[in-house]
Amino acid sequence: MLHEIKSESLAVTIADYGGRLARIVYGGGSSATDVLLGHEDEAAYRDDPHFLGATLGRFANRIGGARFELEGEAFRLDANEHGNTLHGGAGGFHAKSWSVEAKERHRLVLQLVSPDGDQGFPGRLCVRTRFSVEGGTLTVSYEAQTDRPTPISLSQHPYFNLGGAGCGTVEDHAVSIASGRIVVVDDEGIPTGDVQAVDDTVFDLRRPVRLGEVLPRPAPVGFDHCYLGAGEGVRAEVVHAPSGRRLRLASDQPALQFYTGGKLDGGFMPFGGLCLEPQDVPDAPNQSAFAATILRPGGTYRRSIRYSFDEI
């Protein structure tokens, strides 16, 4: 089922299946534009390989070897990408039907109970995702509790095109990310444990860079890299000069995966949308160099993402 929440300048459609952002229409009257890649039919998301708009969990991004150890116990996970676990496994939160806990004009709350052993993760996890709009800002916030220690990293996976969904590539978008460091990964996207400074590299987005000047570098599929926050969370900005639209992102998450959609297909053109995914560092449960968020009984996991749209 699809649900719409509205403010005076945003109309956001959310699907039960996968807790997905399906449409974000910004502006009013003739200037109203859907700036999000998505499907008109909710059923199409069941065959979607790109995690379009989905709530990601239990652990956003990759866990190497589809395994981790926690407090001396080894856990085997669902391997859904080259022997690794991507976005929680094939049956992750993106592939589950969420239930509606509350709905108002400006707010929707979805909930999900992930049982002990779901995709191999320990503990019964109770999750709420809250979507709310005010003015030109969409806020997505997460809350979770568990009955056993478990790693958790929740995020959202929207593909933005500020020129309008399906209106060409994002090469005419300028992106800036307030980070001077990226995580070094191997050919499968698994961190090596090293961190690289972005100085004098194609990864330096501390000042706005028009994507057409750097794509398809740094790889044939463009960017798919994790930027580290500086302790206060992560910040990014996207500007589309032809339309005059701007997106500003802010989150209390420790890292930000930036993906330029180079692998999009099946009705979506490569580089047709870009993703900004606040999250924990990929493979953090296996990486001593990076802190993993381990949720324990009696505690509450809380994170939020704020997407603010305006005009320049």
Protein backbone atom coordinates (compact mmCIF):
# COMPACT_ATOMS: atom_id res chain seq x y z
CA MET A 1 0.00 0.00 0.00
CA LEU A 2 1.13 3.56 -0.72
CA HIS A 3 0.79 6.43 1.76
CA GLU A 4 1.19 10.15 1.12
CA ILE A 5 2.25 12.81 3.60
CA LYS A 6 2.27 16.50 2.73
CA SER A 7 3.50 19.95 3.63
CA GLU A 8 2.97 23.16 1.70
CA SER A 9 5.94 22.40 -0.57
CA LEU A 10 6.50 18.62 -0.35
CA ALA A 11 4.34 15.60 -1.15
CA VAL A 12 6.07 12.36 -0.14
CA THR A 13 4.74 8.90 -1.03
CA ILE A 14 5.88 5.91 1.05
CA ALA A 15 5.33 2.22 0.30
CA ASP A 16 4.66 -0.40 2.99
CA TYR A 17 6.86 -2.84 1.10
CA GLY A 18 10.42 -2.15 2.13
CA GLY A 19 9.48 1.06 3.98
CA ARG A 20 10.32 2.79 0.70
CA LEU A 21 10.29 6.39 -0.38
CA ALA A 22 8.43 6.04 -3.68
CA ARG A 23 7.95 9.69 -4.71
CA ILE A 24 9.09 13.08 -3.49
CA VAL A 25 7.28 15.88 -5.29
CA TYR A 26 8.80 19.28 -4.55
CA GLY A 27 7.19 22.60 -5.38
CA GLY A 28 3.67 23.69 -6.18
CA GLY A 29 1.53 24.20 -9.25
CA SER A 30 3.27 23.88 -12.60
CA SER A 31 6.69 23.76 -10.91
CA ALA A 32 5.87 20.60 -8.90
CA THR A 33 8.44 17.94 -9.80
CA ASP A 34 9.06 14.38 -8.67
CA VAL A 35 12.78 14.37 -7.82
CA LEU A 36 13.00 10.69 -6.86
CA LEU A 37 13.46 7.56 -8.98
CA GLY A 38 10.71 5.04 -8.25
CA HIS A 39 7.94 2.80 -9.55
CA GLU A 40 4.31 3.77 -10.05
CA ASP A 41 3.19 0.28 -9.03
CA GLU A 42 4.20 -0.89 -5.54
CA ALA A 43 4.35 -4.49 -6.79
CA ALA A 44 7.30 -3.57 -9.03
CA TYR A 45 9.47 -3.07 -5.96
CA ARG A 46 9.34 -6.81 -5.26
CA ASP A 47 11.59 -7.40 -8.30
CA ASP A 48 13.73 -4.31 -7.79
CA PRO A 49 17.48 -5.09 -7.57
CA HIS A 50 18.51 -1.50 -6.80
CA PHE A 51 16.94 -0.98 -3.34
CA LEU A 52 15.03 2.01 -4.72
CA GLY A 53 14.03 4.27 -1.82
CA ALA A 54 14.19 1.40 0.68
CA THR A 55 14.74 1.34 4.41
CA LEU A 56 17.98 -0.64 4.81
CA GLY A 57 18.62 -3.06 7.66
CA ARG A 58 19.68 -4.74 9.74
CA PHE A 59 22.99 -3.46 8.49
CA ALA A 60 23.20 -0.99 5.61
CA ASN A 61 25.94 -1.60 3.04
CA ARG A 62 28.24 -4.64 3.08
CA ILE A 63 29.43 -7.18 5.63
CA GLY A 64 32.41 -9.10 4.27
CA GLY A 65 32.23 -12.88 3.99
CA ALA A 66 28.62 -12.77 5.19
CA ARG A 67 29.76 -13.35 8.75
CA PHE A 68 30.85 -11.61 11.94
CA GLU A 69 31.72 -12.45 15.53
CA LEU A 70 30.11 -10.86 18.56
CA GLU A 71 31.14 -11.61 22.13
CA GLY A 72 32.93 -14.78 21.06
CA GLU A 73 30.07 -16.20 18.98
CA ALA A 74 30.20 -16.48 15.19
CA PHE A 75 27.17 -15.59 13.10
CA ARG A 76 26.63 -16.59 9.47
CA LEU A 77 24.51 -14.21 7.40
CA ASP A 78 22.67 -14.43 4.12
CA ALA A 79 25.20 -13.98 1.30
CA ASN A 80 23.46 -12.00 -1.44
CA GLU A 81 26.40 -10.35 -3.25
CA HIS A 82 29.59 -12.22 -4.23
CA GLY A 83 29.68 -14.11 -0.93
CA ASN A 84 29.08 -10.95 1.11
CA THR A 85 25.97 -9.56 2.77
CA LEU A 86 24.57 -6.41 1.17
CA HIS A 87 21.96 -4.26 2.95
CA GLY A 88 21.01 -7.01 5.42
CA GLY A 89 20.70 -9.90 2.97
CA ALA A 90 18.21 -10.86 0.27
CA GLY A 91 15.41 -10.82 2.85
CA GLY A 92 16.54 -7.61 4.53
CA PHE A 93 14.25 -4.80 5.60
CA HIS A 94 13.94 -3.64 1.97
CA ALA A 95 12.11 -6.92 1.20
CA LYS A 96 9.66 -6.93 4.11
CA SER A 97 6.17 -5.54 4.46
CA TRP A 98 6.07 -2.91 7.20
CA SER A 99 2.93 -2.15 9.19
CA VAL A 100 1.47 1.29 9.83
CA GLU A 101 1.61 2.38 13.46
CA ALA A 102 0.42 5.97 12.96
CA LYS A 103 -0.57 8.20 10.05
CA GLU A 104 -1.34 11.91 9.92
CA ARG A 105 -1.24 14.51 7.15
CA HIS A 106 2.39 15.40 7.90
CA ARG A 107 3.65 12.14 9.44
CA LEU A 108 3.79 8.38 8.90
CA VAL A 109 5.20 5.81 11.33
CA LEU A 110 6.00 2.30 10.07
CA GLN A 111 7.03 -0.59 12.28
CA LEU A 112 8.69 -3.95 11.73
CA VAL A 113 9.58 -6.88 13.98
CA SER A 114 12.67 -8.74 12.78
CA PRO A 115 12.81 -12.14 14.54
CA ASP A 116 15.88 -13.68 16.16
CA GLY A 117 17.98 -15.24 13.38
CA ASP A 118 16.51 -13.08 10.62
CA GLN A 119 19.06 -13.31 7.75
CA GLY A 120 21.41 -14.75 10.41
CA PHE A 121 21.40 -11.74 12.76
CA PRO A 122 20.92 -12.38 16.48
CA GLY A 123 18.06 -11.04 18.58
CA ARG A 124 14.45 -10.04 18.09
CA LEU A 125 14.61 -6.48 16.81
CA CYS A 126 11.66 -4.09 16.97
CA VAL A 127 12.05 -1.14 14.58
CA ARG A 128 10.12 2.07 13.93
CA THR A 129 10.77 4.36 10.98
CA ARG A 130 9.16 7.80 11.17
CA PHE A 131 8.68 9.94 8.07
CA SER A 132 7.66 13.57 8.64
CA VAL A 133 7.49 16.68 6.48
CA GLU A 134 7.62 20.34 7.42
CA GLY A 135 8.05 23.04 4.80
CA GLY A 136 10.66 21.81 2.35
CA THR A 137 12.18 19.28 4.76
CA LEU A 138 11.63 15.53 4.95
CA THR A 139 12.94 13.91 8.14
CA VAL A 140 13.40 10.14 8.42
CA SER A 141 14.15 8.86 11.91
CA TYR A 142 14.80 5.36 13.18
CA GLU A 143 14.29 3.75 16.57
CA ALA A 144 14.98 0.13 17.54
CA GLN A 145 15.18 -2.20 20.57
CA THR A 146 16.50 -5.74 20.85
CA ASP A 147 16.48 -8.67 23.28
CA ARG A 148 20.04 -9.81 22.32
CA PRO A 149 23.15 -7.86 21.38
CA THR A 150 23.15 -7.25 17.62
CA PRO A 151 24.90 -4.98 15.14
CA ILE A 152 22.59 -2.41 13.59
CA SER A 153 22.94 0.30 10.96
CA LEU A 154 19.75 1.64 9.41
CA SER A 155 19.58 3.96 6.44
CA GLN A 156 17.48 5.02 3.46
CA HIS A 157 18.33 4.41 -0.20
CA PRO A 158 16.61 7.11 -2.32
CA TYR A 159 17.92 7.92 -5.79
CA PHE A 160 17.61 11.66 -6.42
CA ASN A 161 17.47 13.53 -9.70
CA LEU A 162 16.67 17.17 -9.04
CA GLY A 163 15.95 17.73 -12.72
CA GLY A 164 13.05 15.30 -12.41
CA ALA A 165 12.78 11.54 -12.24
CA GLY A 166 13.63 10.06 -15.63
CA CYS A 167 14.92 13.37 -17.02
CA GLY A 168 18.43 12.38 -18.01
CA THR A 169 21.49 11.75 -15.87
CA VAL A 170 22.81 13.54 -12.80
CA GLU A 171 25.89 14.78 -14.65
CA ASP A 172 24.53 18.33 -14.45
CA HIS A 173 24.29 18.13 -10.63
CA ALA A 174 26.96 19.72 -8.44
CA VAL A 175 27.72 17.79 -5.25
CA SER A 176 29.59 18.75 -2.10
CA ILE A 177 30.27 16.50 0.90
CA ALA A 178 31.73 17.89 4.12
CA SER A 179 34.38 15.22 4.58
CA GLY A 180 38.09 14.99 4.01
CA ARG A 181 38.42 11.20 4.29
CA ILE A 182 37.07 8.12 2.55
CA VAL A 183 37.22 4.45 3.48
CA VAL A 184 39.54 2.36 1.27
CA VAL A 185 37.78 -0.74 -0.10
CA ASP A 186 38.75 -3.78 -2.15
CA ASP A 187 37.27 -4.79 -5.50
CA GLU A 188 34.13 -6.12 -3.78
CA GLY A 189 33.51 -2.94 -1.81
CA ILE A 190 34.76 -4.36 1.51
CA PRO A 191 36.94 -2.00 3.61
CA THR A 192 40.59 -2.87 3.92
CA GLY A 193 40.85 -1.07 7.26
CA ASP A 194 42.63 1.92 5.75
CA VAL A 195 41.43 5.49 5.34
CA GLN A 196 42.46 7.81 2.50
CA ALA A 197 42.61 11.59 2.56
CA VAL A 198 40.73 13.14 -0.35
CA ASP A 199 43.28 15.93 -0.95
CA ASP A 200 44.25 16.25 -4.62
CA THR A 201 42.03 13.34 -5.67
CA VAL A 202 38.77 12.94 -7.59
CA PHE A 203 37.14 12.15 -4.23
CA ASP A 204 37.57 15.70 -2.93
CA LEU A 205 34.03 17.05 -2.85
CA ARG A 206 34.51 19.54 -0.03
CA ARG A 207 33.74 22.22 -2.60
CA PRO A 208 30.93 21.71 -5.14
CA VAL A 209 31.92 19.56 -8.11
CA ARG A 210 29.76 19.17 -11.22
CA LEU A 211 29.46 15.41 -11.68
CA GLY A 212 29.82 15.63 -15.45
CA GLU A 213 33.41 16.75 -14.90
CA VAL A 214 34.36 13.62 -12.92
CA LEU A 215 32.11 10.77 -14.11
CA PRO A 216 32.63 7.93 -14.91
CA ARG A 217 35.73 8.30 -12.80
CA PRO A 218 36.83 7.11 -10.27
CA ALA A 219 35.58 3.79 -11.68
CA PRO A 220 33.41 2.69 -14.62
CA VAL A 221 30.36 2.92 -12.35
CA GLY A 222 31.36 6.28 -10.90
CA PHE A 223 31.22 6.95 -7.19
CA ASP A 224 30.28 4.23 -4.70
CA HIS A 225 32.38 5.34 -1.76
CA CYS A 226 32.05 5.86 1.97
CA TYR A 227 32.92 9.30 3.35
CA LEU A 228 33.69 9.64 7.06
CA GLY A 229 32.09 12.27 9.25
CA ALA A 230 34.13 14.37 11.64
CA GLY A 231 32.28 13.42 14.82
CA GLU A 232 29.24 15.65 14.47
CA GLY A 233 27.59 13.51 11.77
CA VAL A 234 27.57 13.97 8.01
CA ARG A 235 26.55 16.80 5.70
CA ALA A 236 26.11 17.02 1.93
CA GLU A 237 24.60 19.34 -0.64
CA VAL A 238 23.37 18.80 -4.20
CA VAL A 239 22.63 21.69 -6.57
CA HIS A 240 20.92 21.43 -9.95
CA ALA A 241 21.60 24.74 -11.67
CA PRO A 242 19.29 24.22 -14.69
CA SER A 243 16.20 23.94 -12.45
CA GLY A 244 17.49 26.04 -9.57
CA ARG A 245 16.76 23.24 -7.08
CA ARG A 246 18.93 22.33 -4.12
CA LEU A 247 19.00 19.39 -1.71
CA ARG A 248 20.80 19.61 1.62
CA LEU A 249 21.33 16.48 3.71
CA ALA A 250 22.21 16.31 7.40
CA SER A 251 22.42 13.23 9.63
CA ASP A 252 23.84 12.13 12.98
CA GLN A 253 25.26 8.99 11.35
CA PRO A 254 29.06 8.55 11.38
CA ALA A 255 29.54 7.94 7.63
CA LEU A 256 27.96 8.63 4.25
CA GLN A 257 27.91 6.33 1.25
CA PHE A 258 27.85 8.34 -1.99
CA TYR A 259 26.64 6.38 -5.03
CA THR A 260 26.05 7.87 -8.47
CA GLY A 261 23.85 5.06 -9.81
CA GLY A 262 26.31 3.67 -12.33
CA LYS A 263 24.75 0.19 -12.16
CA LEU A 264 21.17 1.30 -12.74
CA ASP A 265 19.29 -0.63 -15.43
CA GLY A 266 15.87 -2.19 -16.02
CA GLY A 267 14.17 0.99 -17.15
CA PHE A 268 16.56 3.35 -15.35
CA MET A 269 19.58 4.75 -17.14
CA PRO A 270 23.06 4.51 -15.60
CA PHE A 271 23.77 7.69 -13.60
CA GLY A 272 20.06 8.48 -13.69
CA GLY A 273 19.99 9.18 -9.96
CA LEU A 274 22.40 9.67 -7.05
CA CYS A 275 22.27 8.27 -3.53
CA LEU A 276 23.44 9.81 -0.27
CA GLU A 277 23.19 7.11 2.40
CA PRO A 278 24.11 8.04 6.00
CA GLN A 279 25.15 4.88 7.87
CA ASP A 280 27.85 3.12 9.87
CA VAL A 281 31.08 2.22 8.09
CA PRO A 282 30.63 -0.85 5.84
CA ASP A 283 31.74 -4.13 7.44
CA ALA A 284 32.22 -2.35 10.78
CA PRO A 285 31.34 -5.52 12.79
CA ASN A 286 34.51 -7.12 11.33
CA GLN A 287 36.75 -4.05 11.29
CA SER A 288 38.71 -3.14 14.40
CA ALA A 289 39.60 0.20 12.80
CA PHE A 290 35.93 1.28 12.79
CA ALA A 291 33.41 1.33 15.60
CA ALA A 292 30.29 -0.75 15.00
CA THR A 293 26.95 0.15 16.51
CA ILE A 294 26.06 -2.78 18.75
CA LEU A 295 22.57 -2.49 20.21
CA ARG A 296 22.05 -4.26 23.53
CA PRO A 297 18.96 -5.20 25.53
CA GLY A 298 17.64 -2.23 27.47
CA GLY A 299 19.12 0.27 25.01
CA THR A 300 17.50 2.14 22.14
CA TYR A 301 19.04 2.78 18.74
CA ARG A 302 18.20 6.23 17.42
CA ARG A 303 19.35 7.86 14.18
CA SER A 304 17.88 10.43 11.81
CA ILE A 305 18.31 11.87 8.32
CA ARG A 306 17.08 15.27 7.20
CA TYR A 307 16.54 16.06 3.51
CA SER A 308 15.89 19.77 2.92
CA PHE A 309 14.80 21.07 -0.49
CA ASP A 310 14.85 24.71 -1.60
CA GLU A 311 15.76 26.89 -4.55
CA ILE A 312 19.00 28.73 -5.21
